[in-house]
């Protein structure tokens, strides 16, 4: 869904009023730390921010693959 070299629907990947559902976002892998943080594919949204919860877990505000040196890692959004 591109118009020229730009995504025709960029707002779907932005934290906003009508983003794609987290369940529509998958990744080749995701980093799972022992400290309770979440670095899953839904964290790859534009304008995402760190959210620290009271139960010592947090949304990191970024997607991180489980294999950082692997340049073939990806995020996929399905409709």
C-alpha atoms as a PDB file:
ATOM      1  CA  UNK A   1       0.000   0.000   0.000  1.00  0.00           C
ATOM      2  CA  UNK A   2       2.401   2.605  -1.211  1.00  0.00           C
ATOM      3  CA  UNK A   3       1.841   5.797  -3.147  1.00  0.00           C
ATOM      4  CA  UNK A   4       5.134   6.428  -4.878  1.00  0.00           C
ATOM      5  CA  UNK A   5       7.741   5.835  -2.197  1.00  0.00           C
ATOM      6  CA  UNK A   6       5.470   6.580   0.753  1.00  0.00           C
ATOM      7  CA  UNK A   7       3.100   4.322   2.668  1.00  0.00           C
ATOM      8  CA  UNK A   8      -0.485   5.258   1.796  1.00  0.00           C
ATOM      9  CA  UNK A   9      -1.733   4.442   5.313  1.00  0.00           C
ATOM     10  CA  UNK A  10       1.061   5.348   7.762  1.00  0.00           C
ATOM     11  CA  UNK A  11      -1.349   6.017  10.638  1.00  0.00           C
ATOM     12  CA  UNK A  12      -1.989   2.299  11.030  1.00  0.00           C
ATOM     13  CA  UNK A  13       1.466   1.808  12.521  1.00  0.00           C
ATOM     14  CA  UNK A  14       1.215   4.831  14.775  1.00  0.00           C
ATOM     15  CA  UNK A  15      -0.138   4.733  18.303  1.00  0.00           C
ATOM     16  CA  UNK A  16      -3.284   6.650  17.586  1.00  0.00           C
ATOM     17  CA  UNK A  17      -7.054   6.398  17.172  1.00  0.00           C
ATOM     18  CA  UNK A  18      -7.167   3.492  14.669  1.00  0.00           C
ATOM     19  CA  UNK A  19      -3.920   1.510  14.672  1.00  0.00           C
ATOM     20  CA  UNK A  20      -3.636  -2.071  13.459  1.00  0.00           C
ATOM     21  CA  UNK A  21      -4.325  -4.556  16.244  1.00  0.00           C
ATOM     22  CA  UNK A  22      -1.351  -5.958  18.125  1.00  0.00           C
ATOM     23  CA  UNK A  23      -2.470  -9.415  16.961  1.00  0.00           C
ATOM     24  CA  UNK A  24      -1.858  -8.343  13.339  1.00  0.00           C
ATOM     25  CA  UNK A  25       1.806  -7.653  14.042  1.00  0.00           C
ATOM     26  CA  UNK A  26       4.284 -10.528  14.103  1.00  0.00           C
ATOM     27  CA  UNK A  27       8.062 -10.712  13.988  1.00  0.00           C
ATOM     28  CA  UNK A  28      10.702 -13.215  13.003  1.00  0.00           C
ATOM     29  CA  UNK A  29      11.776 -13.193  16.659  1.00  0.00           C
ATOM     30  CA  UNK A  30      11.586 -11.030  19.743  1.00  0.00           C
ATOM     31  CA  UNK A  31      13.890 -10.436  22.657  1.00  0.00           C
ATOM     32  CA  UNK A  32      12.523 -11.751  25.969  1.00  0.00           C
ATOM     33  CA  UNK A  33      14.493 -10.319  28.916  1.00  0.00           C
ATOM     34  CA  UNK A  34      14.477 -11.784  32.395  1.00  0.00           C
ATOM     35  CA  UNK A  35      13.454  -8.437  33.903  1.00  0.00           C
ATOM     36  CA  UNK A  36       9.830  -8.516  32.703  1.00  0.00           C
ATOM     37  CA  UNK A  37      10.088  -6.079  29.803  1.00  0.00           C
ATOM     38  CA  UNK A  38       8.209  -6.502  26.546  1.00  0.00           C
ATOM     39  CA  UNK A  39      10.027  -5.929  23.253  1.00  0.00           C
ATOM     40  CA  UNK A  40       7.482  -7.617  20.938  1.00  0.00           C
ATOM     41  CA  UNK A  41       6.457  -6.505  17.448  1.00  0.00           C
ATOM     42  CA  UNK A  42       3.664  -4.214  18.634  1.00  0.00           C
ATOM     43  CA  UNK A  43       6.391  -2.105  20.257  1.00  0.00           C
ATOM     44  CA  UNK A  44       7.633  -1.153  16.769  1.00  0.00           C
ATOM     45  CA  UNK A  45       4.838   1.379  16.309  1.00  0.00           C
ATOM     46  CA  UNK A  46       5.824   4.905  15.401  1.00  0.00           C
ATOM     47  CA  UNK A  47       5.632   7.337  18.330  1.00  0.00           C
ATOM     48  CA  UNK A  48       5.647   4.467  20.816  1.00  0.00           C
ATOM     49  CA  UNK A  49       6.996   5.292  24.276  1.00  0.00           C
ATOM     50  CA  UNK A  50       8.282   3.421  27.284  1.00  0.00           C
ATOM     51  CA  UNK A  51       5.494   2.486  29.714  1.00  0.00           C
ATOM     52  CA  UNK A  52       6.546   1.314  33.171  1.00  0.00           C
ATOM     53  CA  UNK A  53       3.915  -0.702  35.038  1.00  0.00           C
ATOM     54  CA  UNK A  54       3.677  -1.015  38.834  1.00  0.00           C
ATOM     55  CA  UNK A  55       4.247  -4.797  38.768  1.00  0.00           C
ATOM     56  CA  UNK A  56       7.862  -4.440  37.544  1.00  0.00           C
ATOM     57  CA  UNK A  57       6.994  -5.029  33.889  1.00  0.00           C
ATOM     58  CA  UNK A  58       7.161  -2.524  31.087  1.00  0.00           C
ATOM     59  CA  UNK A  59       6.554  -1.923  27.421  1.00  0.00           C
ATOM     60  CA  UNK A  60       9.959  -0.982  26.109  1.00  0.00           C
ATOM     61  CA  UNK A  61       8.741   1.330  23.371  1.00  0.00           C
ATOM     62  CA  UNK A  62      10.910  -0.551  20.844  1.00  0.00           C
ATOM     63  CA  UNK A  63      10.911  -3.912  19.078  1.00  0.00           C
ATOM     64  CA  UNK A  64      14.108  -5.868  19.558  1.00  0.00           C
ATOM     65  CA  UNK A  65      14.853  -9.136  17.817  1.00  0.00           C
ATOM     66  CA  UNK A  66      16.155 -12.123  19.739  1.00  0.00           C
ATOM     67  CA  UNK A  67      19.176 -12.226  17.415  1.00  0.00           C
ATOM     68  CA  UNK A  68      20.463  -8.634  17.088  1.00  0.00           C
ATOM     69  CA  UNK A  69      23.402  -9.558  14.837  1.00  0.00           C
ATOM     70  CA  UNK A  70      21.063 -11.224  12.284  1.00  0.00           C
ATOM     71  CA  UNK A  71      20.209  -8.662   9.608  1.00  0.00           C
ATOM     72  CA  UNK A  72      17.376 -10.846   8.270  1.00  0.00           C
ATOM     73  CA  UNK A  73      15.020 -10.166  11.193  1.00  0.00           C
ATOM     74  CA  UNK A  74      11.691  -8.565  10.262  1.00  0.00           C
ATOM     75  CA  UNK A  75       8.295  -7.327  11.389  1.00  0.00           C
ATOM     76  CA  UNK A  76       5.196  -8.329   9.452  1.00  0.00           C
ATOM     77  CA  UNK A  77       1.785  -6.662   9.515  1.00  0.00           C
ATOM     78  CA  UNK A  78      -1.165  -8.654   8.218  1.00  0.00           C
ATOM     79  CA  UNK A  79      -4.623  -7.392   7.340  1.00  0.00           C
END
